Amino acid sequence: MQKDSHIAHEGATHDFVALGVKVLVVSDSRTLDTDKSGQYIEKSCRDAGHRFLERKIVADEAAKIAEVVKQWSASADVGAVIVTGGTGVTPRDVTPEAVEPLFTKPLAGFGELFRMLSFKDIGTSCIQSRATAGMVEDCIVFVIPGSTGACRLGMEEIILPQLDARTRPCSFAGLLNG
C-alpha cells in the first residue's frame, strides 16, 4: 500500500481516528455492481479502519453532483467525501465545476501532487486530469478520476495517509480531530 516515506507514525501525537467516509461515483453508465473504482475506494477505506457510510452513483450532471456533495459534507458524521469520475475534459466531465464552488478552502496542492504522481504512470496524459480537493467547512472533499488505477494512486499515495491522524508532520484527520 503506502510507502514508509509517505507516512511516518514515529512520535505521533494523535491516535488513529476512524472518520466517516462517503463515496460519490459520477457516471452515466456504471451501477453499484459494475462500479469497480467505487468498490475499490470503499474497500480501501474499510481496510484502513474508517467508518464507511455510503457509496452512491449520480449522472454527470453538475446540479446533482453539487447537491449530493453539499448534503453529505454538511453532515456531522461525515469527515471525508471522495468523488470519483467526471474529471476529464469531455463535455460531460463537469465534476470540478460542480464541486469547486462549494469549497470554503481550496487545496490546490492535491491536484498538483496527483498529476505529478500520475505522470509516472501515464506520462503527459496526466494534464487531462482535473483532480482537485478542498474543505467544505469541516469536511475534506477529494475529487479524483474514475479509472481504478487513478483511484488506487489517489487513495494509496495521498488520501489514505491524509485521512490518518498519525501521519506526520500533519494530516487532515489530525487537524479535524486534534
N, C-alpha and C. Protein backbone atom coordinates (compact mmCIF):
# COMPACT_ATOMS: atom_id res chain seq x y z
N MET A 1 0.84 -1.18 0.00
CA MET A 1 0.00 0.00 0.00
C MET A 1 0.88 1.25 0.00
N GLN A 2 0.87 2.06 1.06
CA GLN A 2 1.65 3.28 1.05
C GLN A 2 3.10 3.01 1.44
N LYS A 3 3.97 3.82 0.93
CA LYS A 3 5.39 3.66 1.21
C LYS A 3 5.70 4.31 2.56
N ASP A 4 6.71 3.76 3.26
CA ASP A 4 7.09 4.30 4.56
C ASP A 4 7.49 5.77 4.47
N SER A 5 8.03 6.20 3.33
CA SER A 5 8.45 7.59 3.21
C SER A 5 7.26 8.55 3.15
N HIS A 6 6.08 8.03 2.86
CA HIS A 6 4.91 8.89 2.76
C HIS A 6 4.16 9.02 4.08
N ILE A 7 4.39 8.11 4.99
CA ILE A 7 3.66 8.15 6.24
C ILE A 7 4.62 7.81 7.37
N ALA A 8 4.63 8.62 8.36
CA ALA A 8 5.53 8.39 9.49
C ALA A 8 4.73 8.54 10.78
N HIS A 9 4.64 7.47 11.52
CA HIS A 9 3.89 7.50 12.77
C HIS A 9 4.79 7.63 13.99
N GLU A 10 6.10 7.54 13.78
CA GLU A 10 7.03 7.61 14.90
C GLU A 10 6.89 8.96 15.58
N GLY A 11 6.67 8.94 16.87
CA GLY A 11 6.49 10.18 17.61
C GLY A 11 5.14 10.83 17.36
N ALA A 12 4.19 10.05 16.86
CA ALA A 12 2.87 10.60 16.55
C ALA A 12 2.22 11.17 17.80
N THR A 13 1.56 12.29 17.64
CA THR A 13 0.89 12.93 18.76
C THR A 13 -0.60 12.64 18.76
N HIS A 14 -1.09 11.99 17.72
CA HIS A 14 -2.50 11.66 17.61
C HIS A 14 -2.68 10.15 17.52
N ASP A 15 -3.80 9.66 17.99
CA ASP A 15 -4.19 8.28 17.79
C ASP A 15 -4.99 8.19 16.49
N PHE A 16 -5.07 6.99 15.94
CA PHE A 16 -5.91 6.81 14.75
C PHE A 16 -7.36 7.15 15.10
N VAL A 17 -8.01 7.86 14.21
CA VAL A 17 -9.42 8.21 14.37
C VAL A 17 -10.16 7.70 13.14
N ALA A 18 -11.17 6.88 13.36
CA ALA A 18 -11.97 6.37 12.24
C ALA A 18 -12.91 7.48 11.80
N LEU A 19 -12.71 7.96 10.58
CA LEU A 19 -13.57 9.00 10.03
C LEU A 19 -14.75 8.39 9.30
N GLY A 20 -15.85 9.10 9.28
CA GLY A 20 -16.98 8.73 8.45
C GLY A 20 -16.69 9.15 7.02
N VAL A 21 -16.78 8.20 6.08
CA VAL A 21 -16.44 8.46 4.69
C VAL A 21 -17.59 8.07 3.79
N LYS A 22 -17.89 8.94 2.81
CA LYS A 22 -18.87 8.63 1.77
C LYS A 22 -18.19 8.78 0.42
N VAL A 23 -18.62 7.95 -0.54
CA VAL A 23 -18.04 7.97 -1.89
C VAL A 23 -19.14 8.24 -2.90
N LEU A 24 -18.89 9.24 -3.73
CA LEU A 24 -19.81 9.57 -4.81
C LEU A 24 -19.14 9.23 -6.14
N VAL A 25 -19.78 8.36 -6.90
CA VAL A 25 -19.28 7.95 -8.20
C VAL A 25 -20.08 8.70 -9.26
N VAL A 26 -19.37 9.44 -10.10
CA VAL A 26 -20.02 10.20 -11.16
C VAL A 26 -19.89 9.40 -12.45
N SER A 27 -21.04 8.94 -12.96
CA SER A 27 -21.01 8.09 -14.16
C SER A 27 -22.40 8.02 -14.78
N ASP A 28 -22.41 8.01 -16.10
CA ASP A 28 -23.65 7.81 -16.84
C ASP A 28 -23.91 6.34 -17.14
N SER A 29 -22.91 5.48 -16.87
CA SER A 29 -23.05 4.08 -17.30
C SER A 29 -22.85 3.04 -16.19
N ARG A 30 -22.25 3.39 -15.09
CA ARG A 30 -21.97 2.40 -14.05
C ARG A 30 -23.17 2.19 -13.13
N THR A 31 -23.19 0.99 -12.54
CA THR A 31 -24.15 0.68 -11.48
C THR A 31 -23.33 0.33 -10.24
N LEU A 32 -23.97 0.19 -9.10
CA LEU A 32 -23.23 -0.18 -7.89
C LEU A 32 -22.51 -1.52 -8.07
N ASP A 33 -23.10 -2.43 -8.87
CA ASP A 33 -22.47 -3.73 -9.10
C ASP A 33 -21.31 -3.68 -10.07
N THR A 34 -21.36 -2.79 -11.07
CA THR A 34 -20.30 -2.74 -12.08
C THR A 34 -19.23 -1.70 -11.78
N ASP A 35 -19.41 -0.93 -10.74
CA ASP A 35 -18.51 0.16 -10.39
C ASP A 35 -17.29 -0.34 -9.63
N LYS A 36 -16.24 -0.69 -10.33
CA LYS A 36 -15.02 -1.22 -9.71
C LYS A 36 -14.24 -0.15 -8.94
N SER A 37 -14.23 1.07 -9.44
CA SER A 37 -13.48 2.14 -8.77
C SER A 37 -14.08 2.48 -7.41
N GLY A 38 -15.37 2.67 -7.36
CA GLY A 38 -16.03 2.96 -6.09
C GLY A 38 -15.90 1.81 -5.11
N GLN A 39 -15.98 0.58 -5.64
CA GLN A 39 -15.80 -0.60 -4.78
C GLN A 39 -14.39 -0.61 -4.19
N TYR A 40 -13.40 -0.25 -5.01
CA TYR A 40 -12.02 -0.20 -4.53
C TYR A 40 -11.88 0.84 -3.41
N ILE A 41 -12.43 2.03 -3.63
CA ILE A 41 -12.33 3.09 -2.62
C ILE A 41 -13.01 2.65 -1.33
N GLU A 42 -14.19 2.07 -1.44
CA GLU A 42 -14.91 1.60 -0.26
C GLU A 42 -14.07 0.59 0.52
N LYS A 43 -13.53 -0.41 -0.18
CA LYS A 43 -12.72 -1.44 0.48
C LYS A 43 -11.48 -0.82 1.12
N SER A 44 -10.84 0.11 0.45
CA SER A 44 -9.65 0.76 0.98
C SER A 44 -9.96 1.50 2.28
N CYS A 45 -11.08 2.19 2.29
CA CYS A 45 -11.46 2.94 3.50
C CYS A 45 -11.77 1.99 4.64
N ARG A 46 -12.51 0.93 4.35
CA ARG A 46 -12.83 -0.06 5.39
C ARG A 46 -11.55 -0.72 5.92
N ASP A 47 -10.66 -1.14 4.99
CA ASP A 47 -9.42 -1.80 5.39
C ASP A 47 -8.53 -0.89 6.24
N ALA A 48 -8.61 0.41 6.00
CA ALA A 48 -7.81 1.37 6.76
C ALA A 48 -8.42 1.64 8.14
N GLY A 49 -9.65 1.17 8.36
CA GLY A 49 -10.28 1.33 9.67
C GLY A 49 -11.29 2.45 9.77
N HIS A 50 -11.61 3.06 8.64
CA HIS A 50 -12.59 4.15 8.67
C HIS A 50 -14.02 3.60 8.67
N ARG A 51 -14.95 4.44 9.07
CA ARG A 51 -16.37 4.08 9.07
C ARG A 51 -16.92 4.42 7.68
N PHE A 52 -17.06 3.41 6.85
CA PHE A 52 -17.60 3.66 5.52
C PHE A 52 -19.11 3.79 5.63
N LEU A 53 -19.65 4.92 5.18
CA LEU A 53 -21.06 5.23 5.39
C LEU A 53 -21.94 4.99 4.17
N GLU A 54 -21.43 5.29 2.97
CA GLU A 54 -22.30 5.18 1.79
C GLU A 54 -21.49 5.33 0.51
N ARG A 55 -21.96 4.63 -0.52
CA ARG A 55 -21.46 4.81 -1.89
C ARG A 55 -22.67 5.00 -2.77
N LYS A 56 -22.64 6.05 -3.57
CA LYS A 56 -23.78 6.41 -4.41
C LYS A 56 -23.28 6.76 -5.81
N ILE A 57 -24.10 6.51 -6.81
CA ILE A 57 -23.77 6.88 -8.19
C ILE A 57 -24.75 7.94 -8.66
N VAL A 58 -24.21 8.99 -9.28
CA VAL A 58 -25.04 10.02 -9.91
C VAL A 58 -24.54 10.24 -11.33
N ALA A 59 -25.43 10.71 -12.17
CA ALA A 59 -25.08 11.01 -13.56
C ALA A 59 -24.17 12.23 -13.63
N ASP A 60 -23.49 12.38 -14.75
CA ASP A 60 -22.60 13.52 -14.98
C ASP A 60 -23.43 14.79 -15.18
N GLU A 61 -24.04 15.25 -14.12
CA GLU A 61 -24.85 16.47 -14.15
C GLU A 61 -24.46 17.32 -12.94
N ALA A 62 -23.97 18.53 -13.23
CA ALA A 62 -23.39 19.38 -12.19
C ALA A 62 -24.32 19.60 -11.01
N ALA A 63 -25.59 19.88 -11.25
CA ALA A 63 -26.52 20.17 -10.15
C ALA A 63 -26.68 18.96 -9.22
N LYS A 64 -26.77 17.76 -9.80
CA LYS A 64 -26.92 16.55 -8.99
C LYS A 64 -25.66 16.28 -8.16
N ILE A 65 -24.50 16.45 -8.79
CA ILE A 65 -23.23 16.24 -8.10
C ILE A 65 -23.11 17.21 -6.92
N ALA A 66 -23.34 18.48 -7.19
CA ALA A 66 -23.22 19.51 -6.15
C ALA A 66 -24.20 19.27 -5.01
N GLU A 67 -25.41 18.88 -5.33
CA GLU A 67 -26.43 18.63 -4.31
C GLU A 67 -25.99 17.55 -3.33
N VAL A 68 -25.47 16.44 -3.86
CA VAL A 68 -25.04 15.33 -3.00
C VAL A 68 -23.84 15.75 -2.15
N VAL A 69 -22.83 16.36 -2.76
CA VAL A 69 -21.63 16.76 -2.01
C VAL A 69 -22.00 17.77 -0.93
N LYS A 70 -22.85 18.72 -1.24
CA LYS A 70 -23.27 19.72 -0.26
C LYS A 70 -23.99 19.07 0.91
N GLN A 71 -24.91 18.17 0.62
CA GLN A 71 -25.67 17.48 1.67
C GLN A 71 -24.75 16.63 2.54
N TRP A 72 -23.90 15.82 1.90
CA TRP A 72 -23.02 14.93 2.64
C TRP A 72 -22.03 15.72 3.50
N SER A 73 -21.41 16.75 2.95
CA SER A 73 -20.38 17.49 3.69
C SER A 73 -20.96 18.27 4.86
N ALA A 74 -22.24 18.52 4.86
CA ALA A 74 -22.89 19.23 5.97
C ALA A 74 -23.23 18.30 7.13
N SER A 75 -23.13 17.00 6.92
CA SER A 75 -23.48 16.02 7.94
C SER A 75 -22.34 15.89 8.97
N ALA A 76 -22.69 15.98 10.24
CA ALA A 76 -21.68 15.92 11.31
C ALA A 76 -20.93 14.60 11.35
N ASP A 77 -21.52 13.51 10.85
CA ASP A 77 -20.85 12.21 10.92
C ASP A 77 -19.92 11.95 9.74
N VAL A 78 -19.84 12.87 8.79
CA VAL A 78 -19.00 12.71 7.60
C VAL A 78 -17.76 13.58 7.73
N GLY A 79 -16.60 12.93 7.75
CA GLY A 79 -15.33 13.65 7.80
C GLY A 79 -14.71 13.83 6.44
N ALA A 80 -15.05 12.92 5.50
CA ALA A 80 -14.47 12.98 4.16
C ALA A 80 -15.47 12.49 3.13
N VAL A 81 -15.46 13.17 2.00
CA VAL A 81 -16.22 12.76 0.83
C VAL A 81 -15.21 12.56 -0.29
N ILE A 82 -15.29 11.41 -0.94
CA ILE A 82 -14.41 11.14 -2.07
C ILE A 82 -15.30 11.01 -3.30
N VAL A 83 -15.05 11.87 -4.28
CA VAL A 83 -15.81 11.87 -5.52
C VAL A 83 -14.90 11.33 -6.61
N THR A 84 -15.41 10.36 -7.38
CA THR A 84 -14.60 9.79 -8.45
C THR A 84 -15.38 9.85 -9.76
N GLY A 85 -14.70 10.31 -10.80
CA GLY A 85 -15.30 10.37 -12.13
C GLY A 85 -15.64 11.80 -12.54
N GLY A 86 -15.69 12.00 -13.84
CA GLY A 86 -16.09 13.29 -14.38
C GLY A 86 -15.04 14.37 -14.29
N THR A 87 -13.75 13.97 -14.22
CA THR A 87 -12.68 14.96 -14.06
C THR A 87 -11.91 15.25 -15.35
N GLY A 88 -12.32 14.63 -16.43
CA GLY A 88 -11.61 14.81 -17.69
C GLY A 88 -12.00 16.10 -18.38
N VAL A 89 -11.84 16.13 -19.69
CA VAL A 89 -12.08 17.36 -20.45
C VAL A 89 -13.18 17.23 -21.50
N THR A 90 -13.92 16.12 -21.48
CA THR A 90 -15.02 15.99 -22.44
C THR A 90 -16.19 16.87 -21.99
N PRO A 91 -17.11 17.15 -22.88
CA PRO A 91 -18.26 17.99 -22.49
C PRO A 91 -19.05 17.45 -21.29
N ARG A 92 -19.11 16.13 -21.10
CA ARG A 92 -19.87 15.55 -19.98
C ARG A 92 -19.10 15.61 -18.66
N ASP A 93 -17.81 15.90 -18.67
CA ASP A 93 -17.00 15.94 -17.46
C ASP A 93 -17.19 17.28 -16.74
N VAL A 94 -18.04 17.28 -15.71
CA VAL A 94 -18.38 18.53 -15.02
C VAL A 94 -18.16 18.47 -13.51
N THR A 95 -17.50 17.43 -13.04
CA THR A 95 -17.35 17.29 -11.59
C THR A 95 -16.60 18.45 -10.94
N PRO A 96 -15.44 18.87 -11.45
CA PRO A 96 -14.77 20.02 -10.80
C PRO A 96 -15.65 21.27 -10.79
N GLU A 97 -16.36 21.52 -11.88
CA GLU A 97 -17.23 22.70 -11.93
C GLU A 97 -18.36 22.61 -10.90
N ALA A 98 -18.80 21.39 -10.61
CA ALA A 98 -19.88 21.19 -9.64
C ALA A 98 -19.39 21.31 -8.20
N VAL A 99 -18.18 20.84 -7.93
CA VAL A 99 -17.70 20.73 -6.56
C VAL A 99 -16.89 21.95 -6.11
N GLU A 100 -16.04 22.48 -6.95
CA GLU A 100 -15.15 23.56 -6.53
C GLU A 100 -15.87 24.78 -5.96
N PRO A 101 -17.04 25.19 -6.48
CA PRO A 101 -17.73 26.34 -5.86
C PRO A 101 -18.16 26.09 -4.41
N LEU A 102 -18.21 24.84 -3.99
CA LEU A 102 -18.58 24.51 -2.61
C LEU A 102 -17.42 24.66 -1.63
N PHE A 103 -16.18 24.69 -2.16
CA PHE A 103 -15.01 24.74 -1.30
C PHE A 103 -14.96 26.04 -0.50
N THR A 104 -14.82 25.91 0.82
CA THR A 104 -14.56 27.07 1.66
C THR A 104 -13.06 27.32 1.74
N LYS A 105 -12.27 26.27 1.50
CA LYS A 105 -10.81 26.38 1.41
C LYS A 105 -10.32 25.41 0.35
N PRO A 106 -9.99 25.90 -0.85
CA PRO A 106 -9.44 25.02 -1.88
C PRO A 106 -8.04 24.54 -1.49
N LEU A 107 -7.70 23.35 -1.92
CA LEU A 107 -6.40 22.75 -1.62
C LEU A 107 -5.69 22.41 -2.93
N ALA A 108 -5.13 23.42 -3.55
CA ALA A 108 -4.51 23.28 -4.88
C ALA A 108 -3.43 22.21 -4.90
N GLY A 109 -2.73 22.03 -3.80
CA GLY A 109 -1.64 21.06 -3.75
C GLY A 109 -2.08 19.64 -4.05
N PHE A 110 -3.33 19.29 -3.75
CA PHE A 110 -3.79 17.94 -4.02
C PHE A 110 -3.74 17.63 -5.51
N GLY A 111 -4.35 18.48 -6.33
CA GLY A 111 -4.36 18.25 -7.77
C GLY A 111 -2.96 18.25 -8.36
N GLU A 112 -2.13 19.16 -7.87
CA GLU A 112 -0.75 19.23 -8.35
C GLU A 112 -0.01 17.93 -8.04
N LEU A 113 -0.13 17.46 -6.80
CA LEU A 113 0.55 16.23 -6.41
C LEU A 113 -0.01 15.02 -7.15
N PHE A 114 -1.33 14.97 -7.29
CA PHE A 114 -1.95 13.85 -8.00
C PHE A 114 -1.40 13.77 -9.43
N ARG A 115 -1.35 14.90 -10.13
CA ARG A 115 -0.85 14.89 -11.51
C ARG A 115 0.63 14.54 -11.56
N MET A 116 1.40 14.99 -10.59
CA MET A 116 2.83 14.66 -10.57
C MET A 116 3.02 13.15 -10.42
N LEU A 117 2.30 12.55 -9.48
CA LEU A 117 2.40 11.11 -9.28
C LEU A 117 1.85 10.35 -10.48
N SER A 118 0.80 10.87 -11.07
CA SER A 118 0.16 10.24 -12.23
C SER A 118 1.08 10.25 -13.45
N PHE A 119 1.91 11.26 -13.55
CA PHE A 119 2.84 11.37 -14.68
C PHE A 119 3.72 10.14 -14.80
N LYS A 120 4.10 9.55 -13.67
CA LYS A 120 4.94 8.35 -13.67
C LYS A 120 4.25 7.18 -14.36
N ASP A 121 2.92 7.14 -14.27
CA ASP A 121 2.15 6.03 -14.85
C ASP A 121 1.65 6.31 -16.27
N ILE A 122 1.18 7.53 -16.51
CA ILE A 122 0.51 7.78 -17.80
C ILE A 122 1.15 8.90 -18.61
N GLY A 123 2.30 9.39 -18.18
CA GLY A 123 3.00 10.42 -18.93
C GLY A 123 2.22 11.72 -19.00
N THR A 124 2.38 12.40 -20.13
CA THR A 124 1.78 13.73 -20.26
C THR A 124 0.25 13.71 -20.32
N SER A 125 -0.34 12.55 -20.46
CA SER A 125 -1.81 12.47 -20.41
C SER A 125 -2.35 12.93 -19.06
N CYS A 126 -1.49 13.00 -18.06
CA CYS A 126 -1.92 13.43 -16.72
C CYS A 126 -2.48 14.85 -16.74
N ILE A 127 -2.10 15.67 -17.73
CA ILE A 127 -2.62 17.04 -17.74
C ILE A 127 -4.12 17.09 -18.02
N GLN A 128 -4.68 15.99 -18.50
CA GLN A 128 -6.13 15.96 -18.75
C GLN A 128 -6.93 15.66 -17.49
N SER A 129 -6.24 15.34 -16.39
CA SER A 129 -6.92 15.09 -15.12
C SER A 129 -7.13 16.42 -14.41
N ARG A 130 -8.35 16.63 -13.98
CA ARG A 130 -8.65 17.83 -13.21
C ARG A 130 -8.96 17.46 -11.76
N ALA A 131 -8.15 16.54 -11.22
CA ALA A 131 -8.30 16.16 -9.82
C ALA A 131 -8.18 17.41 -8.96
N THR A 132 -8.97 17.46 -7.90
CA THR A 132 -9.00 18.64 -7.05
C THR A 132 -9.43 18.24 -5.65
N ALA A 133 -9.24 19.13 -4.71
CA ALA A 133 -9.68 18.86 -3.34
C ALA A 133 -9.88 20.18 -2.62
N GLY A 134 -10.64 20.11 -1.56
CA GLY A 134 -10.85 21.30 -0.75
C GLY A 134 -11.66 20.97 0.48
N MET A 135 -11.69 21.93 1.37
CA MET A 135 -12.53 21.82 2.56
C MET A 135 -13.89 22.41 2.23
N VAL A 136 -14.92 21.74 2.68
CA VAL A 136 -16.27 22.30 2.65
C VAL A 136 -16.64 22.37 4.13
N GLU A 137 -16.41 23.55 4.70
CA GLU A 137 -16.49 23.76 6.15
C GLU A 137 -15.53 22.80 6.84
N ASP A 138 -16.04 21.83 7.64
CA ASP A 138 -15.16 20.91 8.38
C ASP A 138 -15.02 19.54 7.72
N CYS A 139 -15.36 19.44 6.45
CA CYS A 139 -15.29 18.17 5.73
C CYS A 139 -14.28 18.29 4.59
N ILE A 140 -13.41 17.30 4.46
CA ILE A 140 -12.47 17.29 3.35
C ILE A 140 -13.12 16.57 2.18
N VAL A 141 -13.04 17.18 0.99
CA VAL A 141 -13.63 16.61 -0.22
C VAL A 141 -12.51 16.42 -1.24
N PHE A 142 -12.35 15.18 -1.68
CA PHE A 142 -11.37 14.85 -2.71
C PHE A 142 -12.12 14.51 -3.99
N VAL A 143 -11.63 14.98 -5.13
CA VAL A 143 -12.21 14.67 -6.44
C VAL A 143 -11.10 14.04 -7.28
N ILE A 144 -11.33 12.77 -7.68
CA ILE A 144 -10.30 12.05 -8.43
C ILE A 144 -10.92 11.42 -9.69
N PRO A 145 -10.08 11.10 -10.68
CA PRO A 145 -10.59 10.46 -11.90
C PRO A 145 -11.29 9.13 -11.59
N GLY A 146 -12.05 8.66 -12.55
CA GLY A 146 -12.86 7.46 -12.36
C GLY A 146 -12.19 6.13 -12.65
N SER A 147 -11.01 6.13 -13.24
CA SER A 147 -10.37 4.84 -13.52
C SER A 147 -9.89 4.21 -12.21
N THR A 148 -9.90 2.90 -12.17
CA THR A 148 -9.47 2.19 -10.96
C THR A 148 -8.00 2.48 -10.66
N GLY A 149 -7.18 2.59 -11.69
CA GLY A 149 -5.77 2.92 -11.48
C GLY A 149 -5.60 4.29 -10.84
N ALA A 150 -6.35 5.26 -11.29
CA ALA A 150 -6.28 6.60 -10.71
C ALA A 150 -6.79 6.59 -9.28
N CYS A 151 -7.83 5.82 -9.02
CA CYS A 151 -8.36 5.71 -7.65
C CYS A 151 -7.33 5.07 -6.74
N ARG A 152 -6.67 4.03 -7.22
CA ARG A 152 -5.64 3.36 -6.42
C ARG A 152 -4.51 4.34 -6.10
N LEU A 153 -4.04 5.06 -7.11
CA LEU A 153 -2.97 6.04 -6.91
C LEU A 153 -3.39 7.09 -5.88
N GLY A 154 -4.54 7.68 -6.09
CA GLY A 154 -5.00 8.73 -5.19
C GLY A 154 -5.19 8.25 -3.76
N MET A 155 -5.79 7.08 -3.62
CA MET A 155 -6.04 6.55 -2.28
C MET A 155 -4.75 6.17 -1.57
N GLU A 156 -3.90 5.40 -2.22
CA GLU A 156 -2.71 4.87 -1.56
C GLU A 156 -1.65 5.94 -1.32
N GLU A 157 -1.47 6.83 -2.26
CA GLU A 157 -0.37 7.78 -2.17
C GLU A 157 -0.72 9.08 -1.46
N ILE A 158 -2.02 9.47 -1.47
CA ILE A 158 -2.36 10.78 -0.91
C ILE A 158 -3.51 10.70 0.10
N ILE A 159 -4.64 10.16 -0.31
CA ILE A 159 -5.85 10.28 0.50
C ILE A 159 -5.76 9.49 1.81
N LEU A 160 -5.44 8.21 1.75
CA LEU A 160 -5.39 7.43 2.99
C LEU A 160 -4.36 7.97 3.98
N PRO A 161 -3.16 8.36 3.55
CA PRO A 161 -2.25 8.97 4.53
C PRO A 161 -2.83 10.25 5.15
N GLN A 162 -3.53 11.03 4.35
CA GLN A 162 -4.10 12.27 4.88
C GLN A 162 -5.35 12.05 5.73
N LEU A 163 -5.95 10.88 5.62
CA LEU A 163 -7.10 10.55 6.48
C LEU A 163 -6.65 9.82 7.74
N ASP A 164 -5.35 9.70 7.95
CA ASP A 164 -4.80 9.04 9.12
C ASP A 164 -4.20 10.09 10.04
N ALA A 165 -4.79 10.28 11.22
CA ALA A 165 -4.36 11.32 12.15
C ALA A 165 -2.92 11.13 12.62
N ARG A 166 -2.36 9.94 12.45
CA ARG A 166 -0.99 9.68 12.90
C ARG A 166 0.05 10.15 11.90
N THR A 167 -0.36 10.48 10.69
CA THR A 167 0.59 10.93 9.67
C THR A 167 1.28 12.20 10.13
N ARG A 168 2.62 12.19 10.06
CA ARG A 168 3.43 13.32 10.49
C ARG A 168 4.05 13.99 9.28
N PRO A 169 4.26 15.26 9.21
CA PRO A 169 4.04 16.15 10.32
C PRO A 169 2.58 16.55 10.53
N CYS A 170 1.72 16.32 9.54
CA CYS A 170 0.31 16.67 9.76
C CYS A 170 -0.57 15.92 8.76
N SER A 171 -1.84 15.87 9.10
CA SER A 171 -2.84 15.26 8.21
C SER A 171 -4.15 16.01 8.41
N PHE A 172 -5.05 15.85 7.47
CA PHE A 172 -6.36 16.47 7.63
C PHE A 172 -7.11 15.84 8.80
N ALA A 173 -6.97 14.54 8.94
CA ALA A 173 -7.65 13.88 10.06
C ALA A 173 -7.14 14.42 11.39
N GLY A 174 -5.84 14.64 11.50
CA GLY A 174 -5.26 15.19 12.71
C GLY A 174 -5.74 16.61 12.99
N LEU A 175 -5.86 17.40 11.94
CA LEU A 175 -6.33 18.77 12.11
C LEU A 175 -7.81 18.82 12.49
N LEU A 176 -8.60 17.97 11.86
CA LEU A 176 -10.03 17.97 12.13
C LEU A 176 -10.37 17.40 13.50
N ASN A 177 -9.53 16.51 13.99
CA ASN A 177 -9.81 15.84 15.26
C ASN A 177 -8.85 16.21 16.37
N GLY A 178 -7.91 17.10 16.09
CA GLY A 178 -6.89 17.39 17.08
C GLY A 178 -7.14 18.63 17.81
